[in-house]
Structures are given as structure tokens and as C-alpha cells.
Amino acid sequence: MTVRQIQTAGGGSLFRGVTASNPIGNAGRGILRADGINPLDFGLIKNTRVREGHTFQIHANFFNAANTRDWGIPDGTYNSSSFPNEGANEAQNRRIQLGLRYTF
């Protein structure tokens, strides 16, 4: 089942906890899967020689350049209020960092 199907079917009420008589519970190993994490980070650098021994550098770093959401790993604790809420984690937004450097 997908996370959305588990939420629609009843969420945490579908699973039993671990007890002394049932040390395994009824949730299988690895049943919750997160979406892939696909960040696109890259940087651009331009070096310009001003004169011998002096360099001017302009650089730009792009973090999460495609602005894709990473929803994080779903909460796997069956009796948690956020089970299996994969959207509870705040995703990072696109960030651009610019810099100038003069080397002599």
C-alpha cells in the first residue's frame, strides 16, 4: 500500500503494537517507503585575471535549483499522531548564494 492508501484505510489502527505475547507485532519490515530525494545543487565560477598575481572571482551556488520538494521519511511509529504523515517535514526551498573574491 502507498502512504495515501494507508491513511485512507485507517492509518495507525491497521497495526498492532509489540507485546510480550506478540513480540513482532503485525507491521512488516520496511513497509513505509519515502520518495526519492532528488536535489540539484551546482555552482558556477568565473575567474578574471586583473593583472599578474591579482584575480577577481565571481561565484554563484545554487541549492535545490529545480525547487523540488523532499517530503522526508514517513513517521513509522504506528501509535504516533503523525503516522505515516510524510508531509510533516518542512522541505527546503531553492537558495542562491552569490560571492565575489579578490585575490592578490
PDB file of N, CA and C in Angstrom:
ATOM      1  N   MET A   1       0.835  -1.183   0.000  1.00  0.00           N
ATOM      2  CA  MET A   1       0.000   0.000   0.000  1.00  0.00           C
ATOM      3  C   MET A   1       0.878   1.244   0.000  1.00  0.00           C
ATOM      4  N   THR A   2       0.389   2.255  -0.650  1.00  0.00           N
ATOM      5  CA  THR A   2       1.090   3.534  -0.596  1.00  0.00           C
ATOM      6  C   THR A   2       0.744   4.231   0.715  1.00  0.00           C
ATOM      7  N   VAL A   3       1.475   5.284   1.031  1.00  0.00           N
ATOM      8  CA  VAL A   3       1.207   6.027   2.259  1.00  0.00           C
ATOM      9  C   VAL A   3      -0.209   6.592   2.238  1.00  0.00           C
ATOM     10  N   ARG A   4      -0.644   7.107   1.101  1.00  0.00           N
ATOM     11  CA  ARG A   4      -2.000   7.665   0.997  1.00  0.00           C
ATOM     12  C   ARG A   4      -3.062   6.585   1.213  1.00  0.00           C
ATOM     13  N   GLN A   5      -2.829   5.373   0.694  1.00  0.00           N
ATOM     14  CA  GLN A   5      -3.780   4.285   0.882  1.00  0.00           C
ATOM     15  C   GLN A   5      -3.851   3.857   2.352  1.00  0.00           C
ATOM     16  N   ILE A   6      -2.704   3.849   3.037  1.00  0.00           N
ATOM     17  CA  ILE A   6      -2.697   3.507   4.457  1.00  0.00           C
ATOM     18  C   ILE A   6      -3.479   4.547   5.249  1.00  0.00           C
ATOM     19  N   GLN A   7      -3.286   5.833   4.934  1.00  0.00           N
ATOM     20  CA  GLN A   7      -4.018   6.884   5.633  1.00  0.00           C
ATOM     21  C   GLN A   7      -5.523   6.771   5.398  1.00  0.00           C
ATOM     22  N   THR A   8      -5.921   6.472   4.163  1.00  0.00           N
ATOM     23  CA  THR A   8      -7.333   6.343   3.833  1.00  0.00           C
ATOM     24  C   THR A   8      -7.959   5.138   4.520  1.00  0.00           C
ATOM     25  N   ALA A   9      -7.206   4.041   4.643  1.00  0.00           N
ATOM     26  CA  ALA A   9      -7.724   2.803   5.226  1.00  0.00           C
ATOM     27  C   ALA A   9      -7.791   2.834   6.748  1.00  0.00           C
ATOM     28  N   GLY A  10      -7.211   3.824   7.386  1.00  0.00           N
ATOM     29  CA  GLY A  10      -7.313   3.891   8.838  1.00  0.00           C
ATOM     30  C   GLY A  10      -6.018   4.208   9.545  1.00  0.00           C
ATOM     31  N   GLY A  11      -4.939   4.313   8.830  1.00  0.00           N
ATOM     32  CA  GLY A  11      -3.663   4.712   9.421  1.00  0.00           C
ATOM     33  C   GLY A  11      -3.165   3.754  10.492  1.00  0.00           C
ATOM     34  N   GLY A  12      -2.904   4.293  11.683  1.00  0.00           N
ATOM     35  CA  GLY A  12      -2.324   3.509  12.769  1.00  0.00           C
ATOM     36  C   GLY A  12      -3.227   2.425  13.306  1.00  0.00           C
ATOM     37  N   SER A  13      -4.538   2.516  13.080  1.00  0.00           N
ATOM     38  CA  SER A  13      -5.449   1.482  13.583  1.00  0.00           C
ATOM     39  C   SER A  13      -5.291   0.158  12.829  1.00  0.00           C
ATOM     40  N   LEU A  14      -4.566   0.146  11.721  1.00  0.00           N
ATOM     41  CA  LEU A  14      -4.331  -1.091  10.975  1.00  0.00           C
ATOM     42  C   LEU A  14      -3.264  -1.972  11.627  1.00  0.00           C
ATOM     43  N   PHE A  15      -2.497  -1.427  12.549  1.00  0.00           N
ATOM     44  CA  PHE A  15      -1.345  -2.137  13.094  1.00  0.00           C
ATOM     45  C   PHE A  15      -1.491  -2.370  14.584  1.00  0.00           C
ATOM     46  N   ARG A  16      -0.867  -3.451  15.058  1.00  0.00           N
ATOM     47  CA  ARG A  16      -0.815  -3.780  16.476  1.00  0.00           C
ATOM     48  C   ARG A  16       0.588  -3.525  16.986  1.00  0.00           C
ATOM     49  N   GLY A  17       0.681  -3.145  18.247  1.00  0.00           N
ATOM     50  CA  GLY A  17       1.976  -2.915  18.867  1.00  0.00           C
ATOM     51  C   GLY A  17       2.635  -4.210  19.310  1.00  0.00           C
ATOM     52  N   VAL A  18       3.875  -4.076  19.717  1.00  0.00           N
ATOM     53  CA  VAL A  18       4.632  -5.222  20.216  1.00  0.00           C
ATOM     54  C   VAL A  18       4.231  -5.465  21.667  1.00  0.00           C
ATOM     55  N   THR A  19       3.892  -6.726  21.970  1.00  0.00           N
ATOM     56  CA  THR A  19       3.569  -7.130  23.341  1.00  0.00           C
ATOM     57  C   THR A  19       4.410  -8.342  23.696  1.00  0.00           C
ATOM     58  N   ALA A  20       4.314  -8.790  24.964  1.00  0.00           N
ATOM     59  CA  ALA A  20       5.072  -9.975  25.390  1.00  0.00           C
ATOM     60  C   ALA A  20       4.595 -11.220  24.638  1.00  0.00           C
ATOM     61  N   SER A  21       3.301 -11.317  24.380  1.00  0.00           N
ATOM     62  CA  SER A  21       2.776 -12.479  23.663  1.00  0.00           C
ATOM     63  C   SER A  21       2.990 -12.375  22.151  1.00  0.00           C
ATOM     64  N   ASN A  22       3.134 -11.167  21.631  1.00  0.00           N
ATOM     65  CA  ASN A  22       3.351 -10.949  20.206  1.00  0.00           C
ATOM     66  C   ASN A  22       4.567 -10.028  20.044  1.00  0.00           C
ATOM     67  N   PRO A  23       5.801 -10.590  20.147  1.00  0.00           N
ATOM     68  CA  PRO A  23       6.997  -9.745  20.147  1.00  0.00           C
ATOM     69  C   PRO A  23       7.316  -9.089  18.810  1.00  0.00           C
ATOM     70  N   ILE A  24       6.636  -9.454  17.757  1.00  0.00           N
ATOM     71  CA  ILE A  24       6.938  -8.896  16.440  1.00  0.00           C
ATOM     72  C   ILE A  24       5.909  -7.857  16.030  1.00  0.00           C
ATOM     73  N   GLY A  25       4.672  -7.953  16.480  1.00  0.00           N
ATOM     74  CA  GLY A  25       3.619  -7.055  16.010  1.00  0.00           C
ATOM     75  C   GLY A  25       3.155  -7.521  14.639  1.00  0.00           C
ATOM     76  N   ASN A  26       2.393  -6.721  13.944  1.00  0.00           N
ATOM     77  CA  ASN A  26       1.927  -7.143  12.620  1.00  0.00           C
ATOM     78  C   ASN A  26       2.395  -6.236  11.492  1.00  0.00           C
ATOM     79  N   ALA A  27       3.284  -5.304  11.780  1.00  0.00           N
ATOM     80  CA  ALA A  27       3.831  -4.438  10.730  1.00  0.00           C
ATOM     81  C   ALA A  27       5.112  -5.072  10.200  1.00  0.00           C
ATOM     82  N   GLY A  28       5.177  -5.255   8.918  1.00  0.00           N
ATOM     83  CA  GLY A  28       6.360  -5.855   8.309  1.00  0.00           C
ATOM     84  C   GLY A  28       7.537  -4.896   8.270  1.00  0.00           C
ATOM     85  N   ARG A  29       8.702  -5.448   8.051  1.00  0.00           N
ATOM     86  CA  ARG A  29       9.919  -4.642   7.980  1.00  0.00           C
ATOM     87  C   ARG A  29       9.954  -3.869   6.665  1.00  0.00           C
ATOM     88  N   GLY A  30      10.230  -2.586   6.741  1.00  0.00           N
ATOM     89  CA  GLY A  30      10.383  -1.770   5.536  1.00  0.00           C
ATOM     90  C   GLY A  30       9.092  -1.517   4.788  1.00  0.00           C
ATOM     91  N   ILE A  31       7.948  -1.440   5.481  1.00  0.00           N
ATOM     92  CA  ILE A  31       6.677  -1.238   4.762  1.00  0.00           C
ATOM     93  C   ILE A  31       6.456   0.213   4.353  1.00  0.00           C
ATOM     94  N   LEU A  32       7.124   1.138   5.028  1.00  0.00           N
ATOM     95  CA  LEU A  32       6.971   2.547   4.661  1.00  0.00           C
ATOM     96  C   LEU A  32       8.174   2.983   3.844  1.00  0.00           C
ATOM     97  N   ARG A  33       7.928   3.519   2.707  1.00  0.00           N
ATOM     98  CA  ARG A  33       8.996   3.974   1.818  1.00  0.00           C
ATOM     99  C   ARG A  33       8.853   5.469   1.576  1.00  0.00           C
ATOM    100  N   ALA A  34       9.967   6.133   1.559  1.00  0.00           N
ATOM    101  CA  ALA A  34       9.969   7.562   1.248  1.00  0.00           C
ATOM    102  C   ALA A  34      10.167   7.745  -0.254  1.00  0.00           C
ATOM    103  N   ASP A  35       9.730   8.879  -0.742  1.00  0.00           N
ATOM    104  CA  ASP A  35      10.006   9.216  -2.135  1.00  0.00           C
ATOM    105  C   ASP A  35      11.502   9.435  -2.295  1.00  0.00           C
ATOM    106  N   GLY A  36      11.973   9.343  -3.499  1.00  0.00           N
ATOM    107  CA  GLY A  36      13.383   9.591  -3.750  1.00  0.00           C
ATOM    108  C   GLY A  36      13.761  11.031  -3.441  1.00  0.00           C
ATOM    109  N   ILE A  37      14.987  11.220  -3.048  1.00  0.00           N
ATOM    110  CA  ILE A  37      15.485  12.563  -2.777  1.00  0.00           C
ATOM    111  C   ILE A  37      16.287  12.988  -3.994  1.00  0.00           C
ATOM    112  N   ASN A  38      15.848  14.047  -4.653  1.00  0.00           N
ATOM    113  CA  ASN A  38      16.458  14.457  -5.915  1.00  0.00           C
ATOM    114  C   ASN A  38      16.868  15.921  -5.909  1.00  0.00           C
ATOM    115  N   PRO A  39      17.740  16.323  -5.008  1.00  0.00           N
ATOM    116  CA  PRO A  39      18.153  17.726  -5.046  1.00  0.00           C
ATOM    117  C   PRO A  39      19.131  17.971  -6.195  1.00  0.00           C
ATOM    118  N   LEU A  40      19.090  19.154  -6.736  1.00  0.00           N
ATOM    119  CA  LEU A  40      20.021  19.533  -7.790  1.00  0.00           C
ATOM    120  C   LEU A  40      20.799  20.745  -7.279  1.00  0.00           C
ATOM    121  N   ASP A  41      22.037  20.512  -6.857  1.00  0.00           N
ATOM    122  CA  ASP A  41      22.919  21.567  -6.368  1.00  0.00           C
ATOM    123  C   ASP A  41      24.065  21.731  -7.358  1.00  0.00           C
ATOM    124  N   PHE A  42      24.395  22.955  -7.683  1.00  0.00           N
ATOM    125  CA  PHE A  42      25.552  23.184  -8.542  1.00  0.00           C
ATOM    126  C   PHE A  42      26.074  24.595  -8.327  1.00  0.00           C
ATOM    127  N   GLY A  43      27.286  24.806  -8.795  1.00  0.00           N
ATOM    128  CA  GLY A  43      27.916  26.111  -8.651  1.00  0.00           C
ATOM    129  C   GLY A  43      28.596  26.542  -9.935  1.00  0.00           C
ATOM    130  N   LEU A  44      28.676  27.845 -10.113  1.00  0.00           N
ATOM    131  CA  LEU A  44      29.354  28.434 -11.267  1.00  0.00           C
ATOM    132  C   LEU A  44      30.440  29.373 -10.753  1.00  0.00           C
ATOM    133  N   ILE A  45      31.601  29.316 -11.396  1.00  0.00           N
ATOM    134  CA  ILE A  45      32.717  30.171 -11.012  1.00  0.00           C
ATOM    135  C   ILE A  45      33.297  30.821 -12.264  1.00  0.00           C
ATOM    136  N   LYS A  46      33.586  32.116 -12.166  1.00  0.00           N
ATOM    137  CA  LYS A  46      34.237  32.837 -13.253  1.00  0.00           C
ATOM    138  C   LYS A  46      35.441  33.559 -12.667  1.00  0.00           C
ATOM    139  N   ASN A  47      36.639  33.177 -13.120  1.00  0.00           N
ATOM    140  CA  ASN A  47      37.875  33.822 -12.708  1.00  0.00           C
ATOM    141  C   ASN A  47      38.325  34.790 -13.790  1.00  0.00           C
ATOM    142  N   THR A  48      38.652  36.009 -13.384  1.00  0.00           N
ATOM    143  CA  THR A  48      39.156  37.020 -14.313  1.00  0.00           C
ATOM    144  C   THR A  48      40.461  37.562 -13.756  1.00  0.00           C
ATOM    145  N   ARG A  49      41.494  37.464 -14.555  1.00  0.00           N
ATOM    146  CA  ARG A  49      42.804  37.983 -14.138  1.00  0.00           C
ATOM    147  C   ARG A  49      42.854  39.479 -14.392  1.00  0.00           C
ATOM    148  N   VAL A  50      43.082  40.241 -13.336  1.00  0.00           N
ATOM    149  CA  VAL A  50      43.143  41.698 -13.442  1.00  0.00           C
ATOM    150  C   VAL A  50      44.535  42.105 -13.915  1.00  0.00           C
ATOM    151  N   ARG A  51      45.538  41.600 -13.261  1.00  0.00           N
ATOM    152  CA  ARG A  51      46.926  41.772 -13.671  1.00  0.00           C
ATOM    153  C   ARG A  51      47.707  40.636 -13.029  1.00  0.00           C
ATOM    154  N   GLU A  52      48.957  40.570 -13.240  1.00  0.00           N
ATOM    155  CA  GLU A  52      49.746  39.447 -12.754  1.00  0.00           C
ATOM    156  C   GLU A  52      49.661  39.354 -11.228  1.00  0.00           C
ATOM    157  N   GLY A  53      49.208  38.202 -10.757  1.00  0.00           N
ATOM    158  CA  GLY A  53      49.085  37.965  -9.322  1.00  0.00           C
ATOM    159  C   GLY A  53      47.791  38.475  -8.700  1.00  0.00           C
ATOM    160  N   HIS A  54      46.929  39.109  -9.491  1.00  0.00           N
ATOM    161  CA  HIS A  54      45.654  39.624  -8.988  1.00  0.00           C
ATOM    162  C   HIS A  54      44.520  38.978  -9.784  1.00  0.00           C
ATOM    163  N   THR A  55      43.581  38.367  -9.059  1.00  0.00           N
ATOM    164  CA  THR A  55      42.454  37.669  -9.703  1.00  0.00           C
ATOM    165  C   THR A  55      41.152  38.118  -9.060  1.00  0.00           C
ATOM    166  N   PHE A  56      40.159  38.340  -9.877  1.00  0.00           N
ATOM    167  CA  PHE A  56      38.814  38.665  -9.420  1.00  0.00           C
ATOM    168  C   PHE A  56      37.937  37.455  -9.719  1.00  0.00           C
ATOM    169  N   GLN A  57      37.232  36.937  -8.723  1.00  0.00           N
ATOM    170  CA  GLN A  57      36.411  35.738  -8.898  1.00  0.00           C
ATOM    171  C   GLN A  57      34.963  36.048  -8.541  1.00  0.00           C
ATOM    172  N   ILE A  58      34.059  35.641  -9.414  1.00  0.00           N
ATOM    173  CA  ILE A  58      32.619  35.730  -9.172  1.00  0.00           C
ATOM    174  C   ILE A  58      32.108  34.295  -9.111  1.00  0.00           C
ATOM    175  N   HIS A  59      31.352  33.971  -8.059  1.00  0.00           N
ATOM    176  CA  HIS A  59      30.805  32.616  -7.981  1.00  0.00           C
ATOM    177  C   HIS A  59      29.356  32.646  -7.516  1.00  0.00           C
ATOM    178  N   ALA A  60      28.600  31.680  -8.013  1.00  0.00           N
ATOM    179  CA  ALA A  60      27.191  31.525  -7.647  1.00  0.00           C
ATOM    180  C   ALA A  60      26.949  30.058  -7.333  1.00  0.00           C
ATOM    181  N   ASN A  61      26.337  29.787  -6.186  1.00  0.00           N
ATOM    182  CA  ASN A  61      25.983  28.429  -5.778  1.00  0.00           C
ATOM    183  C   ASN A  61      24.466  28.325  -5.732  1.00  0.00           C
ATOM    184  N   PHE A  62      23.940  27.291  -6.353  1.00  0.00           N
ATOM    185  CA  PHE A  62      22.502  27.061  -6.411  1.00  0.00           C
ATOM    186  C   PHE A  62      22.187  25.789  -5.626  1.00  0.00           C
ATOM    187  N   PHE A  63      21.377  25.915  -4.590  1.00  0.00           N
ATOM    188  CA  PHE A  63      20.962  24.773  -3.781  1.00  0.00           C
ATOM    189  C   PHE A  63      19.490  24.499  -4.070  1.00  0.00           C
ATOM    190  N   ASN A  64      19.173  23.240  -4.390  1.00  0.00           N
ATOM    191  CA  ASN A  64      17.829  22.833  -4.801  1.00  0.00           C
ATOM    192  C   ASN A  64      17.369  23.691  -5.983  1.00  0.00           C
ATOM    193  N   ALA A  65      18.189  23.730  -7.013  1.00  0.00           N
ATOM    194  CA  ALA A  65      17.965  24.602  -8.168  1.00  0.00           C
ATOM    195  C   ALA A  65      16.642  24.324  -8.878  1.00  0.00           C
ATOM    196  N   ALA A  66      16.206  23.072  -8.893  1.00  0.00           N
ATOM    197  CA  ALA A  66      14.943  22.730  -9.557  1.00  0.00           C
ATOM    198  C   ALA A  66      13.740  22.967  -8.644  1.00  0.00           C
ATOM    199  N   ASN A  67      13.993  23.353  -7.385  1.00  0.00           N
ATOM    200  CA  ASN A  67      12.952  23.630  -6.395  1.00  0.00           C
ATOM    201  C   ASN A  67      12.004  22.444  -6.215  1.00  0.00           C
ATOM    202  N   THR A  68      12.556  21.239  -6.082  1.00  0.00           N
ATOM    203  CA  THR A  68      11.749  20.048  -5.846  1.00  0.00           C
ATOM    204  C   THR A  68      11.557  19.854  -4.352  1.00  0.00           C
ATOM    205  N   ARG A  69      10.438  19.278  -3.966  1.00  0.00           N
ATOM    206  CA  ARG A  69      10.126  19.058  -2.554  1.00  0.00           C
ATOM    207  C   ARG A  69      10.658  17.700  -2.118  1.00  0.00           C
ATOM    208  N   ASP A  70      11.270  17.661  -0.950  1.00  0.00           N
ATOM    209  CA  ASP A  70      11.669  16.419  -0.301  1.00  0.00           C
ATOM    210  C   ASP A  70      10.764  16.273   0.909  1.00  0.00           C
ATOM    211  N   TRP A  71       9.835  15.344   0.842  1.00  0.00           N
ATOM    212  CA  TRP A  71       8.847  15.205   1.906  1.00  0.00           C
ATOM    213  C   TRP A  71       9.399  14.488   3.122  1.00  0.00           C
ATOM    214  N   GLY A  72      10.584  13.922   3.015  1.00  0.00           N
ATOM    215  CA  GLY A  72      11.162  13.242   4.171  1.00  0.00           C
ATOM    216  C   GLY A  72      10.664  11.821   4.315  1.00  0.00           C
ATOM    217  N   ILE A  73      11.109  11.183   5.362  1.00  0.00           N
ATOM    218  CA  ILE A  73      10.749   9.792   5.637  1.00  0.00           C
ATOM    219  C   ILE A  73       9.476   9.795   6.478  1.00  0.00           C
ATOM    220  N   PRO A  74       8.482   8.958   6.124  1.00  0.00           N
ATOM    221  CA  PRO A  74       7.243   8.921   6.914  1.00  0.00           C
ATOM    222  C   PRO A  74       7.519   8.478   8.343  1.00  0.00           C
ATOM    223  N   ASP A  75       6.722   8.980   9.282  1.00  0.00           N
ATOM    224  CA  ASP A  75       6.828   8.581  10.681  1.00  0.00           C
ATOM    225  C   ASP A  75       6.372   7.132  10.798  1.00  0.00           C
ATOM    226  N   GLY A  76       7.243   6.249  11.271  1.00  0.00           N
ATOM    227  CA  GLY A  76       6.948   4.817  11.317  1.00  0.00           C
ATOM    228  C   GLY A  76       6.377   4.330  12.630  1.00  0.00           C
ATOM    229  N   THR A  77       6.199   5.192  13.619  1.00  0.00           N
ATOM    230  CA  THR A  77       5.631   4.776  14.894  1.00  0.00           C
ATOM    231  C   THR A  77       4.118   4.707  14.744  1.00  0.00           C
ATOM    232  N   TYR A  78       3.555   3.498  14.823  1.00  0.00           N
ATOM    233  CA  TYR A  78       2.158   3.312  14.442  1.00  0.00           C
ATOM    234  C   TYR A  78       1.184   4.049  15.350  1.00  0.00           C
ATOM    235  N   ASN A  79       1.545   4.295  16.615  1.00  0.00           N
ATOM    236  CA  ASN A  79       0.611   4.978  17.511  1.00  0.00           C
ATOM    237  C   ASN A  79       0.898   6.475  17.627  1.00  0.00           C
ATOM    238  N   SER A  80       1.756   6.991  16.748  1.00  0.00           N
ATOM    239  CA  SER A  80       2.047   8.422  16.717  1.00  0.00           C
ATOM    240  C   SER A  80       0.910   9.171  16.024  1.00  0.00           C
ATOM    241  N   SER A  81       0.699  10.415  16.435  1.00  0.00           N
ATOM    242  CA  SER A  81      -0.371  11.197  15.804  1.00  0.00           C
ATOM    243  C   SER A  81      -0.052  11.542  14.358  1.00  0.00           C
ATOM    244  N   SER A  82       1.218  11.508  13.984  1.00  0.00           N
ATOM    245  CA  SER A  82       1.589  11.844  12.608  1.00  0.00           C
ATOM    246  C   SER A  82       1.879  10.607  11.763  1.00  0.00           C
ATOM    247  N   PHE A  83       1.489   9.408  12.207  1.00  0.00           N
ATOM    248  CA  PHE A  83       1.708   8.195  11.426  1.00  0.00           C
ATOM    249  C   PHE A  83       0.816   8.195  10.218  1.00  0.00           C
ATOM    250  N   PRO A  84       1.209   7.765   9.074  1.00  0.00           N
ATOM    251  CA  PRO A  84       2.511   7.830   8.424  1.00  0.00           C
ATOM    252  C   PRO A  84       2.618   9.106   7.610  1.00  0.00           C
ATOM    253  N   ASN A  85       2.503  10.226   8.268  1.00  0.00           N
ATOM    254  CA  ASN A  85       2.452  11.524   7.606  1.00  0.00           C
ATOM    255  C   ASN A  85       3.811  11.869   7.010  1.00  0.00           C
ATOM    256  N   GLU A  86       3.947  11.698   5.721  1.00  0.00           N
ATOM    257  CA  GLU A  86       5.214  12.005   5.070  1.00  0.00           C
ATOM    258  C   GLU A  86       5.358  13.475   4.754  1.00  0.00           C
ATOM    259  N   GLY A  87       4.316  14.247   4.889  1.00  0.00           N
ATOM    260  CA  GLY A  87       4.374  15.668   4.605  1.00  0.00           C
ATOM    261  C   GLY A  87       4.645  16.517   5.835  1.00  0.00           C
ATOM    262  N   ALA A  88       4.949  15.867   6.962  1.00  0.00           N
ATOM    263  CA  ALA A  88       5.175  16.615   8.198  1.00  0.00           C
ATOM    264  C   ALA A  88       6.501  17.368   8.175  1.00  0.00           C
ATOM    265  N   ASN A  89       7.456  16.878   7.423  1.00  0.00           N
ATOM    266  CA  ASN A  89       8.760  17.544   7.368  1.00  0.00           C
ATOM    267  C   ASN A  89       8.698  18.737   6.435  1.00  0.00           C
ATOM    268  N   GLU A  90       9.288  19.809   6.870  1.00  0.00           N
ATOM    269  CA  GLU A  90       9.330  21.005   6.024  1.00  0.00           C
ATOM    270  C   GLU A  90      10.424  20.841   4.986  1.00  0.00           C
ATOM    271  N   ALA A  91      10.100  21.078   3.762  1.00  0.00           N
ATOM    272  CA  ALA A  91      11.063  20.917   2.670  1.00  0.00           C
ATOM    273  C   ALA A  91      11.884  22.186   2.491  1.00  0.00           C
ATOM    274  N   GLN A  92      13.084  22.020   1.996  1.00  0.00           N
ATOM    275  CA  GLN A  92      13.958  23.165   1.736  1.00  0.00           C
ATOM    276  C   GLN A  92      13.542  23.861   0.443  1.00  0.00           C
ATOM    277  N   ASN A  93      13.590  25.167   0.455  1.00  0.00           N
ATOM    278  CA  ASN A  93      13.305  25.952  -0.744  1.00  0.00           C
ATOM    279  C   ASN A  93      14.577  26.138  -1.555  1.00  0.00           C
ATOM    280  N   ARG A  94      14.415  26.675  -2.741  1.00  0.00           N
ATOM    281  CA  ARG A  94      15.563  26.998  -3.582  1.00  0.00           C
ATOM    282  C   ARG A  94      16.351  28.124  -2.928  1.00  0.00           C
ATOM    283  N   ARG A  95      17.687  27.975  -2.915  1.00  0.00           N
ATOM    284  CA  ARG A  95      18.550  29.016  -2.364  1.00  0.00           C
ATOM    285  C   ARG A  95      19.656  29.303  -3.364  1.00  0.00           C
ATOM    286  N   ILE A  96      19.996  30.575  -3.521  1.00  0.00           N
ATOM    287  CA  ILE A  96      21.079  31.001  -4.405  1.00  0.00           C
ATOM    288  C   ILE A  96      22.039  31.841  -3.572  1.00  0.00           C
ATOM    289  N   GLN A  97      23.307  31.473  -3.648  1.00  0.00           N
ATOM    290  CA  GLN A  97      24.341  32.180  -2.897  1.00  0.00           C
ATOM    291  C   GLN A  97      25.323  32.783  -3.897  1.00  0.00           C
ATOM    292  N   LEU A  98      25.541  34.100  -3.805  1.00  0.00           N
ATOM    293  CA  LEU A  98      26.443  34.793  -4.701  1.00  0.00           C
ATOM    294  C   LEU A  98      27.650  35.283  -3.906  1.00  0.00           C
ATOM    295  N   GLY A  99      28.802  35.303  -4.559  1.00  0.00           N
ATOM    296  CA  GLY A  99      30.004  35.784  -3.880  1.00  0.00           C
ATOM    297  C   GLY A  99      30.992  36.413  -4.826  1.00  0.00           C
ATOM    298  N   LEU A 100      31.773  37.333  -4.285  1.00  0.00           N
ATOM    299  CA  LEU A 100      32.840  37.984  -5.012  1.00  0.00           C
ATOM    300  C   LEU A 100      34.133  37.789  -4.218  1.00  0.00           C
ATOM    301  N   ARG A 101      35.238  37.634  -4.914  1.00  0.00           N
ATOM    302  CA  ARG A 101      36.510  37.427  -4.245  1.00  0.00           C
ATOM    303  C   ARG A 101      37.623  38.093  -5.061  1.00  0.00           C
ATOM    304  N   TYR A 102      38.447  38.816  -4.359  1.00  0.00           N
ATOM    305  CA  TYR A 102      39.607  39.439  -4.987  1.00  0.00           C
ATOM    306  C   TYR A 102      40.845  38.840  -4.332  1.00  0.00           C
ATOM    307  N   THR A 103      41.666  38.177  -5.134  1.00  0.00           N
ATOM    308  CA  THR A 103      42.865  37.525  -4.626  1.00  0.00           C
ATOM    309  C   THR A 103      44.085  38.277  -5.145  1.00  0.00           C
ATOM    310  N   PHE A 104      44.997  38.596  -4.213  1.00  0.00           N
ATOM    311  CA  PHE A 104      46.230  39.290  -4.620  1.00  0.00           C
ATOM    312  C   PHE A 104      47.418  38.733  -3.881  1.00  0.00           C
TER     313      PHE A 104
END
